[in-house]
C-alpha cells in the first residue's frame, strides 16, 4: 500500500474513534499533498512526489499548440503590466523565487513561482 493509502486508513480510523475532527483530517491530507508537491516541483522527485494536474481543466475552451499558449500568456501578461500591475521578484532564504504582485488598488498575496 502506498503512503497516501496508509494515511487515509489511519485518518478514517481516527475519525471513527472520534480521536480527531474532520477538519484536522483534511489538514493532514493537505499537508501530505503539499509535501508531495514540493518533492516533485522543488526537489525534482517525480517518482515519489506529486504533480498537480486538472484543477483548471474546466476552463479549457480550445486546443492550442504550446507555442500559441505561451505567446498568449506573454501577450496577456504584457497587457496586464500596461494596466498598472507590478511584479517584484525576491529571493528568500529557501532559494525558491517569490513574486509579490500588486496593482489595481489592492495588493495580491505573494505567490510561489517554481522553476
N, C-alpha and C. Protein backbone atom coordinates (compact mmCIF):
# COMPACT_ATOMS: atom_id res chain seq x y z
N UNK A 1 0.85 -1.19 0.00
CA UNK A 1 0.00 0.00 0.00
C UNK A 1 0.89 1.24 0.00
N UNK A 2 0.47 2.24 -0.72
CA UNK A 2 1.26 3.47 -0.79
C UNK A 2 1.07 4.33 0.47
N UNK A 3 1.91 5.34 0.60
CA UNK A 3 1.88 6.20 1.78
C UNK A 3 0.54 6.90 1.95
N UNK A 4 -0.06 7.36 0.85
CA UNK A 4 -1.32 8.05 0.96
C UNK A 4 -2.44 7.10 1.39
N UNK A 5 -2.41 5.89 0.87
CA UNK A 5 -3.40 4.88 1.29
C UNK A 5 -3.31 4.62 2.78
N UNK A 6 -2.09 4.49 3.30
CA UNK A 6 -1.90 4.29 4.75
C UNK A 6 -2.42 5.49 5.54
N UNK A 7 -2.13 6.69 5.05
CA UNK A 7 -2.60 7.89 5.73
C UNK A 7 -4.13 7.92 5.75
N UNK A 8 -4.76 7.60 4.63
CA UNK A 8 -6.23 7.60 4.58
C UNK A 8 -6.82 6.62 5.59
N UNK A 9 -6.28 5.41 5.63
CA UNK A 9 -6.79 4.41 6.58
C UNK A 9 -6.60 4.87 8.02
N UNK A 10 -5.44 5.44 8.32
CA UNK A 10 -5.18 5.94 9.67
C UNK A 10 -6.17 7.03 10.04
N UNK A 11 -6.39 7.97 9.13
CA UNK A 11 -7.31 9.08 9.41
C UNK A 11 -8.75 8.59 9.55
N UNK A 12 -9.16 7.66 8.70
CA UNK A 12 -10.52 7.11 8.82
C UNK A 12 -10.73 6.43 10.16
N UNK A 13 -9.73 5.70 10.61
CA UNK A 13 -9.82 5.03 11.92
C UNK A 13 -9.93 6.07 13.02
N UNK A 14 -9.08 7.11 12.97
CA UNK A 14 -9.12 8.16 13.99
C UNK A 14 -10.45 8.89 13.98
N UNK A 15 -11.01 9.13 12.79
CA UNK A 15 -12.32 9.77 12.69
C UNK A 15 -13.41 8.89 13.31
N UNK A 16 -13.38 7.60 12.99
CA UNK A 16 -14.37 6.67 13.53
C UNK A 16 -14.30 6.60 15.05
N UNK A 17 -13.09 6.68 15.59
CA UNK A 17 -12.90 6.61 17.05
C UNK A 17 -13.17 7.95 17.73
N UNK A 18 -13.36 9.01 16.93
CA UNK A 18 -13.58 10.33 17.49
C UNK A 18 -12.31 10.97 18.03
N UNK A 19 -11.16 10.43 17.62
CA UNK A 19 -9.87 10.94 18.11
C UNK A 19 -9.49 12.27 17.46
N UNK A 20 -10.00 12.50 16.26
CA UNK A 20 -9.72 13.77 15.57
C UNK A 20 -11.00 14.27 14.93
N UNK A 21 -11.02 15.56 14.66
CA UNK A 21 -12.15 16.19 13.96
C UNK A 21 -11.90 16.13 12.45
N UNK A 22 -12.95 16.19 11.69
CA UNK A 22 -12.84 16.12 10.23
C UNK A 22 -11.89 17.19 9.67
N UNK A 23 -11.92 18.40 10.24
CA UNK A 23 -11.06 19.48 9.74
C UNK A 23 -9.58 19.15 9.96
N UNK A 24 -9.28 18.47 11.06
CA UNK A 24 -7.89 18.07 11.30
C UNK A 24 -7.45 17.00 10.30
N UNK A 25 -8.33 16.09 9.98
CA UNK A 25 -8.03 15.06 8.98
C UNK A 25 -7.77 15.71 7.62
N UNK A 26 -8.62 16.68 7.27
CA UNK A 26 -8.46 17.38 6.00
C UNK A 26 -7.12 18.11 5.96
N UNK A 27 -6.76 18.72 7.07
CA UNK A 27 -5.47 19.44 7.14
C UNK A 27 -4.30 18.48 6.93
N UNK A 28 -4.38 17.29 7.52
CA UNK A 28 -3.31 16.31 7.34
C UNK A 28 -3.21 15.85 5.89
N UNK A 29 -4.35 15.68 5.24
CA UNK A 29 -4.34 15.30 3.82
C UNK A 29 -3.70 16.40 2.99
N UNK A 30 -4.08 17.66 3.26
CA UNK A 30 -3.50 18.78 2.52
C UNK A 30 -2.00 18.88 2.76
N UNK A 31 -1.54 18.67 4.00
CA UNK A 31 -0.11 18.70 4.30
C UNK A 31 0.63 17.59 3.56
N UNK A 32 0.01 16.42 3.47
CA UNK A 32 0.62 15.31 2.73
C UNK A 32 0.85 15.70 1.28
N UNK A 33 -0.17 16.25 0.63
CA UNK A 33 -0.05 16.58 -0.78
C UNK A 33 0.87 17.76 -1.02
N UNK A 34 0.90 18.72 -0.11
CA UNK A 34 1.83 19.85 -0.29
C UNK A 34 3.27 19.35 -0.19
N UNK A 35 3.53 18.42 0.71
CA UNK A 35 4.87 17.83 0.80
C UNK A 35 5.24 17.07 -0.45
N UNK A 36 4.26 16.34 -0.98
CA UNK A 36 4.49 15.58 -2.21
C UNK A 36 4.70 16.51 -3.40
N UNK A 37 3.97 17.61 -3.43
CA UNK A 37 4.14 18.59 -4.49
C UNK A 37 5.53 19.20 -4.43
N UNK A 38 5.98 19.55 -3.22
CA UNK A 38 7.32 20.11 -3.05
C UNK A 38 8.39 19.11 -3.52
N UNK A 39 8.19 17.83 -3.18
CA UNK A 39 9.14 16.80 -3.63
C UNK A 39 9.29 16.83 -5.14
N UNK A 40 8.18 16.93 -5.83
CA UNK A 40 8.21 16.88 -7.29
C UNK A 40 8.71 18.19 -7.90
N UNK A 41 8.17 19.30 -7.43
CA UNK A 41 8.43 20.57 -8.09
C UNK A 41 9.77 21.17 -7.68
N UNK A 42 10.07 21.18 -6.41
CA UNK A 42 11.30 21.80 -5.93
C UNK A 42 12.49 20.84 -6.01
N UNK A 43 12.26 19.61 -5.56
CA UNK A 43 13.36 18.65 -5.48
C UNK A 43 13.52 17.82 -6.75
N UNK A 44 12.55 17.88 -7.65
CA UNK A 44 12.65 17.14 -8.90
C UNK A 44 12.33 15.67 -8.81
N UNK A 45 11.77 15.22 -7.68
CA UNK A 45 11.46 13.81 -7.48
C UNK A 45 10.03 13.53 -7.94
N UNK A 46 9.88 13.23 -9.23
CA UNK A 46 8.54 12.98 -9.76
C UNK A 46 8.09 11.54 -9.56
N UNK A 47 8.98 10.69 -9.06
CA UNK A 47 8.59 9.31 -8.77
C UNK A 47 7.86 9.23 -7.44
N UNK A 48 8.42 9.84 -6.40
CA UNK A 48 7.79 9.84 -5.08
C UNK A 48 6.91 11.05 -4.87
N UNK A 49 7.18 12.11 -5.61
CA UNK A 49 6.42 13.34 -5.45
C UNK A 49 5.10 13.30 -6.20
N UNK A 50 4.39 14.41 -6.12
CA UNK A 50 3.07 14.51 -6.76
C UNK A 50 3.01 15.79 -7.57
N UNK A 51 2.59 15.68 -8.80
CA UNK A 51 2.40 16.85 -9.65
C UNK A 51 0.91 17.16 -9.73
N UNK A 52 0.56 18.43 -9.58
CA UNK A 52 -0.84 18.82 -9.65
C UNK A 52 -1.25 18.92 -11.13
N UNK A 53 -2.41 18.40 -11.43
CA UNK A 53 -2.92 18.48 -12.79
C UNK A 53 -4.44 18.37 -12.73
N UNK A 54 -5.10 19.16 -13.54
CA UNK A 54 -6.53 19.02 -13.66
C UNK A 54 -7.37 20.06 -12.96
N UNK A 55 -6.78 20.89 -12.09
CA UNK A 55 -7.57 21.86 -11.35
C UNK A 55 -8.28 22.85 -12.28
N UNK A 56 -7.70 23.15 -13.41
CA UNK A 56 -8.25 24.16 -14.31
C UNK A 56 -8.82 23.57 -15.59
N UNK A 57 -8.95 22.27 -15.65
CA UNK A 57 -9.37 21.63 -16.89
C UNK A 57 -10.73 22.12 -17.36
N UNK A 58 -11.60 22.51 -16.45
CA UNK A 58 -12.92 23.01 -16.84
C UNK A 58 -12.87 24.36 -17.53
N UNK A 59 -11.74 25.04 -17.44
CA UNK A 59 -11.60 26.35 -18.07
C UNK A 59 -11.10 26.25 -19.52
N UNK A 60 -10.69 25.07 -19.94
CA UNK A 60 -10.17 24.89 -21.30
C UNK A 60 -11.33 24.97 -22.28
N UNK A 61 -11.19 25.88 -23.26
CA UNK A 61 -12.26 26.01 -24.25
C UNK A 61 -11.78 25.76 -25.68
N UNK A 62 -10.48 25.46 -25.82
CA UNK A 62 -9.97 25.13 -27.16
C UNK A 62 -8.61 24.44 -27.01
N UNK A 63 -8.24 23.71 -28.04
CA UNK A 63 -6.95 23.03 -28.08
C UNK A 63 -6.00 23.90 -28.87
N UNK A 64 -4.80 24.14 -28.29
CA UNK A 64 -3.83 25.03 -28.92
C UNK A 64 -2.44 24.42 -28.83
N UNK A 65 -1.58 24.70 -29.80
CA UNK A 65 -0.18 24.29 -29.68
C UNK A 65 0.48 25.04 -28.51
N UNK A 66 1.45 24.43 -27.89
CA UNK A 66 2.13 25.03 -26.74
C UNK A 66 2.70 26.41 -27.09
N UNK A 67 3.26 26.55 -28.27
CA UNK A 67 3.83 27.85 -28.68
C UNK A 67 2.77 28.94 -28.65
N UNK A 68 1.57 28.61 -29.11
CA UNK A 68 0.48 29.60 -29.11
C UNK A 68 0.04 29.93 -27.68
N UNK A 69 0.02 28.93 -26.82
CA UNK A 69 -0.35 29.17 -25.42
C UNK A 69 0.66 30.11 -24.77
N UNK A 70 1.94 29.85 -25.00
CA UNK A 70 2.97 30.71 -24.41
C UNK A 70 2.91 32.13 -24.97
N UNK A 71 2.69 32.26 -26.27
CA UNK A 71 2.55 33.59 -26.87
C UNK A 71 1.37 34.34 -26.25
N UNK A 72 0.25 33.65 -26.07
CA UNK A 72 -0.93 34.28 -25.47
C UNK A 72 -0.65 34.68 -24.02
N UNK A 73 0.03 33.81 -23.29
CA UNK A 73 0.38 34.09 -21.90
C UNK A 73 1.25 35.34 -21.80
N UNK A 74 2.27 35.42 -22.64
CA UNK A 74 3.16 36.60 -22.65
C UNK A 74 2.39 37.85 -23.05
N UNK A 75 1.58 37.76 -24.09
CA UNK A 75 0.80 38.91 -24.57
C UNK A 75 -0.16 39.40 -23.48
N UNK A 76 -0.86 38.47 -22.83
CA UNK A 76 -1.81 38.86 -21.77
C UNK A 76 -1.08 39.45 -20.56
N UNK A 77 0.09 38.89 -20.23
CA UNK A 77 0.87 39.42 -19.11
C UNK A 77 1.34 40.84 -19.41
N UNK A 78 1.85 41.05 -20.62
CA UNK A 78 2.29 42.39 -21.01
C UNK A 78 1.13 43.38 -20.96
N UNK A 79 -0.05 42.97 -21.39
CA UNK A 79 -1.22 43.85 -21.34
C UNK A 79 -1.58 44.19 -19.90
N UNK A 80 -1.53 43.22 -19.01
CA UNK A 80 -1.84 43.48 -17.60
C UNK A 80 -0.81 44.42 -16.98
N UNK A 81 0.47 44.23 -17.35
CA UNK A 81 1.51 45.11 -16.81
C UNK A 81 1.30 46.55 -17.30
N UNK A 82 0.78 46.72 -18.51
CA UNK A 82 0.49 48.04 -19.04
C UNK A 82 -0.63 48.73 -18.25
N UNK A 83 -1.46 47.95 -17.58
CA UNK A 83 -2.59 48.49 -16.83
C UNK A 83 -2.24 48.76 -15.37
N UNK A 84 -0.97 48.78 -15.03
CA UNK A 84 -0.58 49.19 -13.68
C UNK A 84 -0.18 48.10 -12.72
N UNK A 85 -0.12 46.86 -13.16
CA UNK A 85 0.35 45.80 -12.27
C UNK A 85 1.87 45.91 -12.19
N UNK A 86 2.42 45.55 -11.05
CA UNK A 86 3.87 45.48 -10.91
C UNK A 86 4.23 44.11 -10.36
N UNK A 87 5.37 43.60 -10.78
CA UNK A 87 5.86 42.31 -10.29
C UNK A 87 7.25 42.53 -9.74
N UNK A 88 7.45 42.16 -8.49
CA UNK A 88 8.75 42.30 -7.85
C UNK A 88 9.24 40.92 -7.47
N UNK A 89 10.41 40.56 -7.94
CA UNK A 89 10.97 39.25 -7.61
C UNK A 89 11.90 39.38 -6.42
N UNK A 90 11.82 38.43 -5.50
CA UNK A 90 12.69 38.39 -4.33
C UNK A 90 13.27 36.99 -4.23
N UNK A 91 14.37 36.86 -3.54
CA UNK A 91 15.00 35.56 -3.36
C UNK A 91 15.04 35.25 -1.86
N UNK A 92 14.02 34.55 -1.31
CA UNK A 92 14.01 34.23 0.11
C UNK A 92 15.08 33.21 0.45
N UNK A 93 15.26 32.97 1.73
CA UNK A 93 16.33 32.08 2.19
C UNK A 93 16.22 30.67 1.66
N UNK A 94 15.00 30.21 1.33
CA UNK A 94 14.87 28.85 0.82
C UNK A 94 15.19 28.76 -0.68
N UNK A 95 15.56 29.88 -1.28
CA UNK A 95 16.02 29.96 -2.67
C UNK A 95 14.93 29.68 -3.70
N UNK A 96 13.68 29.59 -3.30
CA UNK A 96 12.64 29.47 -4.31
C UNK A 96 12.09 30.86 -4.58
N UNK A 97 12.02 31.27 -5.85
CA UNK A 97 11.60 32.63 -6.16
C UNK A 97 10.19 32.92 -5.66
N UNK A 98 10.00 34.12 -5.17
CA UNK A 98 8.69 34.56 -4.73
C UNK A 98 8.35 35.83 -5.47
N UNK A 99 7.14 35.96 -5.91
CA UNK A 99 6.72 37.17 -6.60
C UNK A 99 5.66 37.87 -5.77
N UNK A 100 5.81 39.16 -5.60
CA UNK A 100 4.76 39.97 -4.99
C UNK A 100 4.14 40.75 -6.12
N UNK A 101 2.89 40.48 -6.37
CA UNK A 101 2.20 41.15 -7.46
C UNK A 101 1.21 42.12 -6.84
N UNK A 102 1.23 43.34 -7.30
CA UNK A 102 0.28 44.30 -6.77
C UNK A 102 -0.16 45.25 -7.86
N UNK A 103 -1.25 45.91 -7.63
CA UNK A 103 -1.76 46.86 -8.59
C UNK A 103 -3.26 46.97 -8.48
N UNK A 104 -3.84 47.80 -9.29
CA UNK A 104 -5.28 47.98 -9.30
C UNK A 104 -5.84 48.22 -7.91
N UNK A 105 -5.13 49.02 -7.13
CA UNK A 105 -5.56 49.46 -5.81
C UNK A 105 -5.61 48.40 -4.72
N UNK A 106 -5.16 47.19 -4.98
CA UNK A 106 -5.12 46.21 -3.90
C UNK A 106 -4.01 45.21 -4.15
N UNK A 107 -3.17 45.00 -3.13
CA UNK A 107 -2.10 44.02 -3.29
C UNK A 107 -2.65 42.60 -3.30
N UNK A 108 -1.97 41.75 -4.01
CA UNK A 108 -2.30 40.33 -4.04
C UNK A 108 -1.28 39.63 -3.18
N UNK A 109 -1.70 38.63 -2.42
CA UNK A 109 -0.78 37.90 -1.57
C UNK A 109 0.37 37.34 -2.38
N UNK A 110 1.55 37.25 -1.78
CA UNK A 110 2.68 36.66 -2.52
C UNK A 110 2.35 35.24 -2.97
N UNK A 111 2.80 34.89 -4.14
CA UNK A 111 2.58 33.52 -4.61
C UNK A 111 3.92 32.92 -5.00
N UNK A 112 4.05 31.64 -4.81
CA UNK A 112 5.29 30.93 -5.13
C UNK A 112 5.40 30.73 -6.62
N UNK A 113 6.57 30.94 -7.16
CA UNK A 113 6.86 30.62 -8.55
C UNK A 113 7.99 29.60 -8.53
N UNK A 114 7.72 28.40 -9.02
CA UNK A 114 8.74 27.36 -9.04
C UNK A 114 9.25 27.19 -10.44
N UNK A 115 10.52 26.85 -10.56
CA UNK A 115 11.09 26.61 -11.88
C UNK A 115 11.81 25.29 -11.89
